[in-house]
């Protein structure tokens, strides 16, 4: 159907299709939530998600292809290393009902129960950032995801998310610089290593200026 029968889920096209499908469902949920809450916020968040999908699809065909695949691997992981989305449908229902704290606890339980469950880590991190604004929980989730990831590029993506939380959400330039240093030491072959080094130096300078 629609010419997608032979699309591999592990391919870039397959990841793009997966992202579009997830965003379509998420947009519907955001629309219903917006009507219930009489707020534009859910729709704005959905638009931001579509912007990310569009960026990933564009990156997949450009010189930044490897970086795009790294992002896509986090958001659209391959089926051989991540449990089915359906395994967390009950928790997703909690999120749809606005039971964010309860959903977070359920994700923590899933993470503790299954040492290979990357999906629960990812979704807990996204929930903690987007809904709960609980950045310590988000750090826990993405650190746990990095520890569990088998593929180096995916682990790198989670590590960069941790550094990003310190930089953008907690506004802690010093800790962000420390995390980027750890990333560079652990993943010396990162495709954007030069840019990361420059950013680390900028964060260090910002930290000492504010000290």
N, C-alpha and C. Protein backbone atom coordinates (compact mmCIF):
# COMPACT_ATOMS: atom_id res chain seq x y z
N UNK A 1 0.85 -1.20 0.00
CA UNK A 1 0.00 0.00 0.00
C UNK A 1 0.88 1.24 0.00
N UNK A 2 0.51 2.25 -0.87
CA UNK A 2 1.27 3.49 -0.98
C UNK A 2 2.72 3.25 -1.36
N UNK A 3 3.04 2.03 -1.86
CA UNK A 3 4.41 1.76 -2.27
C UNK A 3 5.37 1.55 -1.13
N UNK A 4 4.85 1.26 0.07
CA UNK A 4 5.72 1.13 1.24
C UNK A 4 5.91 -0.32 1.67
N UNK A 5 5.37 -1.27 0.88
CA UNK A 5 5.41 -2.66 1.30
C UNK A 5 6.84 -3.17 1.46
N UNK A 6 7.76 -2.69 0.60
CA UNK A 6 9.12 -3.22 0.62
C UNK A 6 10.11 -2.30 1.28
N UNK A 7 9.61 -1.31 2.03
CA UNK A 7 10.50 -0.38 2.71
C UNK A 7 11.02 -1.02 3.99
N UNK A 8 12.34 -1.07 4.14
CA UNK A 8 12.94 -1.64 5.33
C UNK A 8 12.82 -0.68 6.50
N UNK A 9 12.45 -1.21 7.66
CA UNK A 9 12.33 -0.35 8.85
C UNK A 9 13.68 0.19 9.29
N UNK A 10 14.76 -0.49 8.90
CA UNK A 10 16.10 -0.06 9.29
C UNK A 10 16.69 0.96 8.34
N UNK A 11 16.01 1.20 7.18
CA UNK A 11 16.53 2.16 6.21
C UNK A 11 16.15 3.57 6.60
N UNK A 12 16.80 4.55 5.94
CA UNK A 12 16.46 5.95 6.21
C UNK A 12 15.01 6.24 5.85
N UNK A 13 14.56 5.66 4.72
CA UNK A 13 13.17 5.87 4.33
C UNK A 13 12.23 5.25 5.35
N UNK A 14 12.61 4.06 5.83
CA UNK A 14 11.78 3.41 6.84
C UNK A 14 11.68 4.23 8.11
N UNK A 15 12.82 4.82 8.54
CA UNK A 15 12.81 5.66 9.73
C UNK A 15 11.93 6.89 9.52
N UNK A 16 12.02 7.46 8.31
CA UNK A 16 11.21 8.64 8.00
C UNK A 16 9.73 8.31 8.05
N UNK A 17 9.36 7.15 7.47
CA UNK A 17 7.96 6.73 7.51
C UNK A 17 7.50 6.53 8.94
N UNK A 18 8.37 5.89 9.75
CA UNK A 18 8.03 5.67 11.16
C UNK A 18 7.77 6.99 11.88
N UNK A 19 8.67 7.96 11.65
CA UNK A 19 8.51 9.27 12.30
C UNK A 19 7.22 9.94 11.88
N UNK A 20 6.90 9.87 10.59
CA UNK A 20 5.66 10.49 10.10
C UNK A 20 4.45 9.84 10.74
N UNK A 21 4.46 8.50 10.85
CA UNK A 21 3.34 7.79 11.47
C UNK A 21 3.19 8.18 12.93
N UNK A 22 4.33 8.23 13.65
CA UNK A 22 4.27 8.62 15.07
C UNK A 22 3.75 10.03 15.23
N UNK A 23 4.21 10.95 14.38
CA UNK A 23 3.78 12.33 14.47
C UNK A 23 2.31 12.49 14.11
N UNK A 24 1.83 11.67 13.16
CA UNK A 24 0.42 11.75 12.80
C UNK A 24 -0.46 11.40 13.99
N UNK A 25 -0.08 10.32 14.70
CA UNK A 25 -0.84 9.93 15.89
C UNK A 25 -0.70 11.00 16.98
N UNK A 26 0.53 11.48 17.17
CA UNK A 26 0.77 12.50 18.18
C UNK A 26 0.01 13.79 17.91
N UNK A 27 -0.10 14.16 16.63
CA UNK A 27 -0.83 15.38 16.28
C UNK A 27 -2.31 15.23 16.60
N UNK A 28 -2.85 14.04 16.32
CA UNK A 28 -4.26 13.80 16.64
C UNK A 28 -4.50 13.91 18.14
N UNK A 29 -3.58 13.31 18.93
CA UNK A 29 -3.71 13.40 20.38
C UNK A 29 -3.58 14.85 20.85
N UNK A 30 -2.65 15.59 20.25
CA UNK A 30 -2.46 17.00 20.62
C UNK A 30 -3.70 17.82 20.29
N UNK A 31 -4.34 17.51 19.16
CA UNK A 31 -5.55 18.24 18.77
C UNK A 31 -6.66 18.02 19.78
N UNK A 32 -6.84 16.75 20.17
CA UNK A 32 -7.89 16.43 21.16
C UNK A 32 -7.56 17.07 22.49
N UNK A 33 -6.29 17.00 22.89
CA UNK A 33 -5.87 17.59 24.16
C UNK A 33 -6.06 19.10 24.15
N UNK A 34 -5.76 19.72 23.00
CA UNK A 34 -5.95 21.16 22.89
C UNK A 34 -7.40 21.57 23.03
N UNK A 35 -8.30 20.75 22.46
CA UNK A 35 -9.73 21.04 22.59
C UNK A 35 -10.19 20.92 24.03
N UNK A 36 -9.67 19.87 24.70
CA UNK A 36 -10.08 19.64 26.10
C UNK A 36 -9.56 20.75 27.00
N UNK A 37 -8.29 21.11 26.83
CA UNK A 37 -7.67 22.11 27.69
C UNK A 37 -7.91 23.54 27.21
N UNK A 38 -8.48 23.67 25.99
CA UNK A 38 -8.68 24.98 25.39
C UNK A 38 -7.37 25.77 25.34
N UNK A 39 -6.37 25.06 24.84
CA UNK A 39 -5.02 25.65 24.79
C UNK A 39 -4.37 25.32 23.46
N UNK A 40 -3.54 26.28 22.98
CA UNK A 40 -2.79 26.06 21.76
C UNK A 40 -1.49 25.31 22.01
N UNK A 41 -1.09 25.16 23.27
CA UNK A 41 0.22 24.59 23.59
C UNK A 41 0.44 23.20 22.98
N UNK A 42 -0.53 22.26 23.08
CA UNK A 42 -0.29 20.94 22.48
C UNK A 42 -0.06 21.01 20.98
N UNK A 43 -0.79 21.90 20.28
CA UNK A 43 -0.62 22.01 18.84
C UNK A 43 0.73 22.63 18.48
N UNK A 44 1.18 23.58 19.31
CA UNK A 44 2.50 24.17 19.09
C UNK A 44 3.58 23.10 19.24
N UNK A 45 3.42 22.24 20.26
CA UNK A 45 4.38 21.16 20.46
C UNK A 45 4.36 20.20 19.27
N UNK A 46 3.16 19.94 18.74
CA UNK A 46 3.05 19.05 17.58
C UNK A 46 3.74 19.66 16.37
N UNK A 47 3.59 20.97 16.18
CA UNK A 47 4.25 21.64 15.06
C UNK A 47 5.77 21.55 15.19
N UNK A 48 6.27 21.67 16.43
CA UNK A 48 7.70 21.54 16.66
C UNK A 48 8.17 20.13 16.28
N UNK A 49 7.33 19.14 16.59
CA UNK A 49 7.66 17.76 16.22
C UNK A 49 7.72 17.57 14.72
N UNK A 50 6.77 18.18 14.01
CA UNK A 50 6.78 18.09 12.55
C UNK A 50 8.01 18.77 11.97
N UNK A 51 8.44 19.86 12.60
CA UNK A 51 9.64 20.55 12.14
C UNK A 51 10.85 19.63 12.27
N UNK A 52 10.91 18.87 13.37
CA UNK A 52 12.01 17.93 13.56
C UNK A 52 11.98 16.85 12.48
N UNK A 53 10.77 16.32 12.18
CA UNK A 53 10.65 15.29 11.15
C UNK A 53 11.12 15.82 9.80
N UNK A 54 10.69 17.04 9.47
CA UNK A 54 11.09 17.63 8.19
C UNK A 54 12.61 17.79 8.14
N UNK A 55 13.22 18.22 9.27
CA UNK A 55 14.66 18.40 9.31
C UNK A 55 15.38 17.07 9.12
N UNK A 56 14.87 16.02 9.76
CA UNK A 56 15.50 14.71 9.62
C UNK A 56 15.45 14.22 8.18
N UNK A 57 14.28 14.38 7.53
CA UNK A 57 14.13 13.93 6.16
C UNK A 57 15.09 14.68 5.25
N UNK A 58 15.22 15.99 5.48
CA UNK A 58 16.15 16.78 4.67
C UNK A 58 17.59 16.37 4.91
N UNK A 59 17.93 16.16 6.18
CA UNK A 59 19.30 15.78 6.51
C UNK A 59 19.68 14.44 5.91
N UNK A 60 18.69 13.55 5.75
CA UNK A 60 18.98 12.21 5.25
C UNK A 60 19.52 12.25 3.83
N UNK A 61 19.28 13.33 3.09
CA UNK A 61 19.74 13.39 1.72
C UNK A 61 20.84 14.41 1.49
N UNK A 62 21.48 14.88 2.55
CA UNK A 62 22.50 15.90 2.40
C UNK A 62 23.83 15.43 2.93
N UNK A 63 24.80 16.33 2.96
CA UNK A 63 26.14 16.00 3.44
C UNK A 63 26.12 15.68 4.93
N UNK A 64 25.03 16.03 5.62
CA UNK A 64 24.92 15.73 7.04
C UNK A 64 24.16 14.43 7.26
N UNK A 65 24.23 13.56 6.28
CA UNK A 65 23.49 12.30 6.32
C UNK A 65 23.77 11.49 7.57
N UNK A 66 25.04 11.39 7.95
CA UNK A 66 25.39 10.57 9.12
C UNK A 66 24.79 11.15 10.39
N UNK A 67 24.80 12.47 10.50
CA UNK A 67 24.21 13.10 11.68
C UNK A 67 22.72 12.86 11.71
N UNK A 68 22.09 12.95 10.56
CA UNK A 68 20.65 12.70 10.50
C UNK A 68 20.30 11.29 10.91
N UNK A 69 21.13 10.34 10.48
CA UNK A 69 20.87 8.96 10.86
C UNK A 69 21.04 8.76 12.35
N UNK A 70 22.00 9.48 12.95
CA UNK A 70 22.19 9.38 14.40
C UNK A 70 20.98 9.86 15.15
N UNK A 71 20.39 11.00 14.70
CA UNK A 71 19.18 11.50 15.33
C UNK A 71 18.03 10.54 15.11
N UNK A 72 17.91 10.06 13.88
CA UNK A 72 16.80 9.16 13.56
C UNK A 72 16.88 7.86 14.33
N UNK A 73 18.08 7.40 14.59
CA UNK A 73 18.23 6.15 15.34
C UNK A 73 17.69 6.27 16.75
N UNK A 74 17.74 7.48 17.29
CA UNK A 74 17.21 7.69 18.64
C UNK A 74 15.69 7.75 18.60
N UNK A 75 15.17 8.51 17.65
CA UNK A 75 13.73 8.71 17.58
C UNK A 75 12.99 7.56 16.93
N UNK A 76 13.68 6.84 16.01
CA UNK A 76 13.06 5.73 15.31
C UNK A 76 13.98 4.52 15.34
N UNK A 77 14.18 3.91 16.51
CA UNK A 77 15.14 2.82 16.66
C UNK A 77 14.73 1.58 15.89
N UNK A 78 15.72 0.75 15.54
CA UNK A 78 15.45 -0.48 14.82
C UNK A 78 14.82 -1.50 15.74
N UNK A 79 14.02 -2.38 15.15
CA UNK A 79 13.23 -3.31 15.94
C UNK A 79 14.04 -4.38 16.63
N UNK A 80 15.31 -4.59 16.21
CA UNK A 80 16.06 -5.68 16.80
C UNK A 80 16.63 -5.34 18.16
N UNK A 81 16.57 -4.07 18.57
CA UNK A 81 17.14 -3.70 19.86
C UNK A 81 16.17 -2.96 20.77
N UNK A 82 14.94 -2.74 20.30
CA UNK A 82 13.98 -1.98 21.07
C UNK A 82 12.65 -2.72 21.11
N UNK A 83 12.01 -2.82 22.29
CA UNK A 83 10.72 -3.48 22.37
C UNK A 83 9.69 -2.78 21.52
N UNK A 84 8.63 -3.50 21.18
CA UNK A 84 7.55 -2.92 20.38
C UNK A 84 6.90 -1.76 21.11
N UNK A 85 6.48 -0.76 20.32
CA UNK A 85 5.77 0.39 20.90
C UNK A 85 4.53 -0.07 21.65
N UNK A 86 3.92 -1.16 21.15
CA UNK A 86 2.69 -1.65 21.76
C UNK A 86 2.89 -2.10 23.20
N UNK A 87 4.12 -2.46 23.56
CA UNK A 87 4.39 -2.90 24.93
C UNK A 87 4.19 -1.76 25.93
N UNK A 88 4.22 -0.53 25.46
CA UNK A 88 4.05 0.61 26.35
C UNK A 88 2.76 1.38 26.07
N UNK A 89 1.82 0.72 25.40
CA UNK A 89 0.58 1.40 25.04
C UNK A 89 -0.21 1.84 26.27
N UNK A 90 -0.16 1.04 27.33
CA UNK A 90 -0.90 1.40 28.55
C UNK A 90 -0.32 2.66 29.17
N UNK A 91 1.02 2.79 29.12
CA UNK A 91 1.65 3.99 29.67
C UNK A 91 1.35 5.20 28.79
N UNK A 92 1.35 4.98 27.48
CA UNK A 92 1.00 6.06 26.57
C UNK A 92 -0.43 6.55 26.81
N UNK A 93 -1.31 5.63 27.19
CA UNK A 93 -2.68 6.02 27.50
C UNK A 93 -2.71 6.93 28.73
N UNK A 94 -1.85 6.65 29.71
CA UNK A 94 -1.74 7.53 30.88
C UNK A 94 -1.32 8.93 30.46
N UNK A 95 -0.35 8.98 29.56
CA UNK A 95 0.13 10.29 29.08
C UNK A 95 -1.00 11.03 28.38
N UNK A 96 -1.76 10.32 27.54
CA UNK A 96 -2.87 10.94 26.82
C UNK A 96 -3.92 11.49 27.78
N UNK A 97 -4.07 10.84 28.94
CA UNK A 97 -5.05 11.31 29.94
C UNK A 97 -4.48 12.40 30.82
N UNK A 98 -3.22 12.74 30.63
CA UNK A 98 -2.61 13.78 31.45
C UNK A 98 -2.05 13.28 32.76
N UNK A 99 -1.94 11.96 32.92
CA UNK A 99 -1.41 11.39 34.16
C UNK A 99 0.10 11.24 34.03
N UNK A 100 0.78 12.38 33.94
CA UNK A 100 2.20 12.38 33.61
C UNK A 100 3.07 11.77 34.70
N UNK A 101 2.81 12.12 35.95
CA UNK A 101 3.62 11.58 37.05
C UNK A 101 3.43 10.06 37.15
N UNK A 102 2.21 9.61 36.97
CA UNK A 102 1.93 8.18 37.03
C UNK A 102 2.62 7.45 35.87
N UNK A 103 2.61 8.07 34.70
CA UNK A 103 3.27 7.47 33.54
C UNK A 103 4.78 7.41 33.77
N UNK A 104 5.34 8.44 34.36
CA UNK A 104 6.78 8.45 34.63
C UNK A 104 7.17 7.31 35.56
N UNK A 105 6.36 7.08 36.59
CA UNK A 105 6.65 5.98 37.50
C UNK A 105 6.54 4.64 36.78
N UNK A 106 5.58 4.52 35.86
CA UNK A 106 5.43 3.27 35.11
C UNK A 106 6.62 3.04 34.20
N UNK A 107 7.12 4.11 33.59
CA UNK A 107 8.31 3.97 32.75
C UNK A 107 9.52 3.56 33.60
N UNK A 108 9.66 4.16 34.79
CA UNK A 108 10.76 3.78 35.68
C UNK A 108 10.68 2.30 36.04
N UNK A 109 9.47 1.81 36.28
CA UNK A 109 9.30 0.40 36.60
C UNK A 109 9.69 -0.48 35.42
N UNK A 110 9.33 -0.05 34.20
CA UNK A 110 9.68 -0.81 33.00
C UNK A 110 11.19 -0.83 32.80
N UNK A 111 11.84 0.29 33.08
CA UNK A 111 13.29 0.38 32.94
C UNK A 111 13.98 -0.55 33.94
N UNK A 112 13.47 -0.58 35.16
CA UNK A 112 14.06 -1.44 36.18
C UNK A 112 13.82 -2.92 35.88
N UNK A 113 12.69 -3.22 35.26
CA UNK A 113 12.33 -4.61 35.00
C UNK A 113 13.10 -5.21 33.83
N UNK A 114 13.31 -4.40 32.79
CA UNK A 114 13.94 -4.92 31.57
C UNK A 114 15.22 -4.14 31.27
N UNK A 115 16.37 -4.75 31.44
CA UNK A 115 17.65 -4.05 31.22
C UNK A 115 17.92 -3.74 29.76
N UNK A 116 17.08 -4.22 28.84
CA UNK A 116 17.28 -3.97 27.42
C UNK A 116 16.24 -3.01 26.84
N UNK A 117 15.39 -2.48 27.68
CA UNK A 117 14.30 -1.63 27.21
C UNK A 117 14.78 -0.20 26.99
N UNK A 118 15.16 0.11 25.75
CA UNK A 118 15.57 1.47 25.41
C UNK A 118 14.37 2.39 25.21
N UNK A 119 13.28 1.81 24.71
CA UNK A 119 12.10 2.64 24.42
C UNK A 119 11.57 3.32 25.67
N UNK A 120 11.54 2.60 26.78
CA UNK A 120 11.05 3.19 28.03
C UNK A 120 11.96 4.34 28.46
N UNK A 121 13.27 4.18 28.26
CA UNK A 121 14.20 5.26 28.60
C UNK A 121 13.93 6.49 27.74
N UNK A 122 13.78 6.28 26.44
CA UNK A 122 13.54 7.40 25.53
C UNK A 122 12.25 8.13 25.87
N UNK A 123 11.19 7.35 26.07
CA UNK A 123 9.89 7.97 26.31
C UNK A 123 9.83 8.65 27.67
N UNK A 124 10.51 8.08 28.67
CA UNK A 124 10.58 8.75 29.96
C UNK A 124 11.32 10.07 29.83
N UNK A 125 12.43 10.07 29.09
CA UNK A 125 13.18 11.30 28.89
C UNK A 125 12.35 12.37 28.20
N UNK A 126 11.63 11.99 27.16
CA UNK A 126 10.80 12.94 26.44
C UNK A 126 9.67 13.47 27.32
N UNK A 127 9.06 12.57 28.09
CA UNK A 127 7.98 12.98 28.99
C UNK A 127 8.50 13.93 30.06
N UNK A 128 9.66 13.60 30.62
CA UNK A 128 10.23 14.43 31.69
C UNK A 128 10.55 15.83 31.20
N UNK A 129 11.06 15.94 29.97
CA UNK A 129 11.39 17.25 29.43
C UNK A 129 10.14 18.00 28.98
N UNK A 130 9.30 17.33 28.20
CA UNK A 130 8.18 18.01 27.57
C UNK A 130 7.01 18.32 28.48
N UNK A 131 6.73 17.44 29.43
CA UNK A 131 5.53 17.59 30.25
C UNK A 131 5.82 17.91 31.71
N UNK A 132 6.75 17.18 32.27
CA UNK A 132 7.01 17.33 33.71
C UNK A 132 8.03 18.43 34.02
N UNK A 133 8.82 18.79 33.04
CA UNK A 133 9.93 19.73 33.26
C UNK A 133 10.82 19.24 34.40
N UNK A 134 10.95 17.94 34.47
CA UNK A 134 11.77 17.28 35.50
C UNK A 134 13.07 16.86 34.83
N UNK A 135 14.04 17.75 34.85
CA UNK A 135 15.25 17.52 34.09
C UNK A 135 16.17 16.49 34.73
N UNK A 136 16.09 16.32 36.04
CA UNK A 136 16.87 15.27 36.68
C UNK A 136 16.40 13.90 36.22
N UNK A 137 15.08 13.73 36.09
CA UNK A 137 14.55 12.47 35.58
C UNK A 137 14.95 12.27 34.14
N UNK A 138 14.93 13.33 33.35
CA UNK A 138 15.35 13.24 31.96
C UNK A 138 16.82 12.81 31.86
N UNK A 139 17.66 13.39 32.72
CA UNK A 139 19.07 13.00 32.73
C UNK A 139 19.23 11.52 33.07
N UNK A 140 18.49 11.07 34.07
CA UNK A 140 18.52 9.66 34.43
C UNK A 140 18.14 8.79 33.24
N UNK A 141 17.06 9.17 32.55
CA UNK A 141 16.54 8.35 31.46
C UNK A 141 17.54 8.25 30.30
N UNK A 142 18.13 9.38 29.90
CA UNK A 142 19.03 9.35 28.76
C UNK A 142 20.39 8.76 29.12
N UNK A 143 20.82 8.93 30.38
CA UNK A 143 22.05 8.25 30.81
C UNK A 143 21.85 6.74 30.78
N UNK A 144 20.69 6.31 31.23
CA UNK A 144 20.37 4.88 31.23
C UNK A 144 20.30 4.36 29.79
N UNK A 145 19.73 5.17 28.91
CA UNK A 145 19.65 4.77 27.50
C UNK A 145 21.05 4.64 26.90
N UNK A 146 21.93 5.58 27.22
CA UNK A 146 23.30 5.51 26.71
C UNK A 146 23.99 4.24 27.20
N UNK A 147 23.78 3.93 28.46
CA UNK A 147 24.42 2.74 29.04
C UNK A 147 23.93 1.46 28.38
N UNK A 148 22.66 1.45 27.96
CA UNK A 148 22.08 0.24 27.39
C UNK A 148 22.28 0.12 25.89
N UNK A 149 22.54 1.21 25.23
CA UNK A 149 22.63 1.20 23.76
C UNK A 149 23.78 0.32 23.30
N UNK A 150 23.50 -0.50 22.31
CA UNK A 150 24.52 -1.38 21.74
C UNK A 150 25.31 -0.66 20.66
N UNK A 151 24.62 0.11 19.84
CA UNK A 151 25.28 0.83 18.74
C UNK A 151 25.92 2.12 19.26
N UNK A 152 27.16 2.33 18.87
CA UNK A 152 27.90 3.50 19.34
C UNK A 152 27.23 4.80 18.93
N UNK A 153 26.69 4.87 17.72
CA UNK A 153 26.10 6.12 17.25
C UNK A 153 24.87 6.48 18.07
N UNK A 154 24.13 5.47 18.49
CA UNK A 154 22.95 5.74 19.31
C UNK A 154 23.37 6.19 20.70
N UNK A 155 24.37 5.52 21.25
CA UNK A 155 24.88 5.92 22.56
C UNK A 155 25.36 7.37 22.52
N UNK A 156 26.04 7.72 21.44
CA UNK A 156 26.50 9.10 21.26
C UNK A 156 25.32 10.07 21.27
N UNK A 157 24.25 9.71 20.59
CA UNK A 157 23.07 10.57 20.56
C UNK A 157 22.50 10.81 21.94
N UNK A 158 22.41 9.76 22.75
CA UNK A 158 21.90 9.92 24.12
C UNK A 158 22.83 10.80 24.94
N UNK A 159 24.14 10.60 24.78
CA UNK A 159 25.11 11.41 25.53
C UNK A 159 24.98 12.89 25.18
N UNK A 160 24.73 13.18 23.91
CA UNK A 160 24.55 14.57 23.49
C UNK A 160 23.25 15.15 24.05
N UNK A 161 22.24 14.31 24.20
CA UNK A 161 21.00 14.78 24.81
C UNK A 161 21.24 15.20 26.26
N UNK A 162 22.06 14.43 26.97
CA UNK A 162 22.40 14.77 28.35
C UNK A 162 23.11 16.12 28.41
N UNK A 163 24.10 16.30 27.54
CA UNK A 163 24.81 17.58 27.50
C UNK A 163 23.86 18.72 27.15
N UNK A 164 22.93 18.45 26.24
CA UNK A 164 21.97 19.47 25.85
C UNK A 164 21.04 19.89 26.97
N UNK A 165 20.67 18.95 27.83
CA UNK A 165 19.82 19.29 28.97
C UNK A 165 20.54 20.23 29.92
N UNK A 166 21.82 19.93 30.19
CA UNK A 166 22.59 20.83 31.05
C UNK A 166 22.72 22.21 30.43
N UNK A 167 22.93 22.25 29.10
CA UNK A 167 23.15 23.52 28.42
C UNK A 167 21.85 24.33 28.27
N UNK A 168 20.79 23.69 27.76
CA UNK A 168 19.59 24.41 27.36
C UNK A 168 18.52 24.50 28.44
N UNK A 169 18.39 23.44 29.24
CA UNK A 169 17.31 23.40 30.23
C UNK A 169 17.76 23.83 31.62
N UNK A 170 18.90 23.33 32.05
CA UNK A 170 19.41 23.69 33.37
C UNK A 170 20.32 24.92 33.34
N UNK A 171 20.67 25.36 32.14
CA UNK A 171 21.52 26.55 31.98
C UNK A 171 22.81 26.44 32.79
N UNK A 172 23.38 25.26 32.80
CA UNK A 172 24.61 25.01 33.55
C UNK A 172 25.74 24.80 32.54
N UNK A 173 26.40 25.89 32.17
CA UNK A 173 27.44 25.82 31.16
C UNK A 173 28.61 24.95 31.62
N UNK A 174 28.93 25.00 32.91
CA UNK A 174 30.04 24.21 33.42
C UNK A 174 29.80 22.72 33.28
N UNK A 175 28.61 22.26 33.69
CA UNK A 175 28.30 20.83 33.59
C UNK A 175 28.16 20.40 32.13
N UNK A 176 27.61 21.30 31.30
CA UNK A 176 27.50 20.98 29.88
C UNK A 176 28.87 20.78 29.27
N UNK A 177 29.84 21.63 29.65
CA UNK A 177 31.21 21.50 29.15
C UNK A 177 31.83 20.18 29.61
N UNK A 178 31.56 19.82 30.87
CA UNK A 178 32.07 18.55 31.40
C UNK A 178 31.51 17.38 30.61
N UNK A 179 30.20 17.43 30.33
CA UNK A 179 29.56 16.35 29.58
C UNK A 179 30.11 16.25 28.17
N UNK A 180 30.34 17.40 27.53
CA UNK A 180 30.90 17.37 26.18
C UNK A 180 32.32 16.81 26.21
N UNK A 181 33.07 17.11 27.27
CA UNK A 181 34.40 16.53 27.42
C UNK A 181 34.33 15.01 27.52
N UNK A 182 33.36 14.54 28.28
CA UNK A 182 33.16 13.10 28.41
C UNK A 182 32.78 12.47 27.07
N UNK A 183 31.91 13.16 26.34
CA UNK A 183 31.50 12.67 25.03
C UNK A 183 32.70 12.54 24.09
N UNK A 184 33.53 13.58 24.06
CA UNK A 184 34.69 13.58 23.16
C UNK A 184 35.70 12.49 23.55
N UNK A 185 35.82 12.24 24.85
CA UNK A 185 36.75 11.20 25.30
C UNK A 185 36.22 9.80 24.99
N UNK A 186 34.92 9.63 25.11
CA UNK A 186 34.34 8.31 24.91
C UNK A 186 34.04 8.02 23.45
N UNK A 187 33.73 9.07 22.67
CA UNK A 187 33.40 8.88 21.26
C UNK A 187 34.32 9.77 20.41
N UNK A 188 35.61 9.45 20.36
CA UNK A 188 36.57 10.31 19.64
C UNK A 188 36.29 10.38 18.14
N UNK A 189 35.56 9.40 17.60
CA UNK A 189 35.29 9.37 16.17
C UNK A 189 33.93 9.96 15.83
N UNK A 190 33.34 10.72 16.75
CA UNK A 190 32.05 11.35 16.47
C UNK A 190 32.15 12.21 15.22
N UNK A 191 31.15 12.13 14.31
CA UNK A 191 31.25 12.86 13.05
C UNK A 191 31.32 14.36 13.23
N UNK A 192 30.80 14.88 14.33
CA UNK A 192 30.82 16.33 14.59
C UNK A 192 31.77 16.70 15.72
N UNK A 193 32.84 15.92 15.87
CA UNK A 193 33.76 16.11 17.00
C UNK A 193 34.37 17.51 17.01
N UNK A 194 34.72 18.03 15.85
CA UNK A 194 35.34 19.35 15.81
C UNK A 194 34.38 20.43 16.31
N UNK A 195 33.12 20.34 15.90
CA UNK A 195 32.12 21.30 16.36
C UNK A 195 31.88 21.16 17.85
N UNK A 196 31.91 19.93 18.35
CA UNK A 196 31.72 19.70 19.78
C UNK A 196 32.86 20.29 20.60
N UNK A 197 34.08 20.18 20.09
CA UNK A 197 35.23 20.77 20.79
C UNK A 197 35.08 22.29 20.87
N UNK A 198 34.65 22.90 19.75
CA UNK A 198 34.47 24.35 19.73
C UNK A 198 33.38 24.77 20.70
N UNK A 199 32.30 24.00 20.74
CA UNK A 199 31.21 24.32 21.66
C UNK A 199 31.65 24.16 23.11
N UNK A 200 32.45 23.13 23.36
CA UNK A 200 32.94 22.91 24.73
C UNK A 200 33.77 24.10 25.19
N UNK A 201 34.64 24.60 24.33
CA UNK A 201 35.47 25.74 24.69
C UNK A 201 34.60 26.98 24.94
N UNK A 202 33.57 27.14 24.15
CA UNK A 202 32.67 28.28 24.34
C UNK A 202 31.93 28.17 25.67
N UNK A 203 31.49 26.98 26.01
CA UNK A 203 30.78 26.77 27.28
C UNK A 203 31.71 26.99 28.46
N UNK A 204 32.95 26.53 28.35
CA UNK A 204 33.92 26.74 29.43
C UNK A 204 34.15 28.24 29.64
N UNK A 205 34.28 28.98 28.55
CA UNK A 205 34.49 30.42 28.66
C UNK A 205 33.29 31.09 29.30
N UNK A 206 32.10 30.66 28.91
CA UNK A 206 30.87 31.23 29.48
C UNK A 206 30.78 30.92 30.96
N UNK A 207 31.18 29.70 31.34
CA UNK A 207 31.12 29.30 32.74
C UNK A 207 32.05 30.16 33.59
N UNK A 208 33.26 30.36 33.13
CA UNK A 208 34.23 31.13 33.92
C UNK A 208 33.90 32.62 33.94
N UNK A 209 33.23 33.11 32.89
CA UNK A 209 32.80 34.50 32.89
C UNK A 209 31.73 34.74 33.95
N UNK A 210 30.86 33.73 34.14
CA UNK A 210 29.78 33.89 35.10
C UNK A 210 30.16 33.51 36.51
N UNK A 211 31.37 32.97 36.69
CA UNK A 211 31.80 32.52 38.02
C UNK A 211 32.15 33.71 38.91
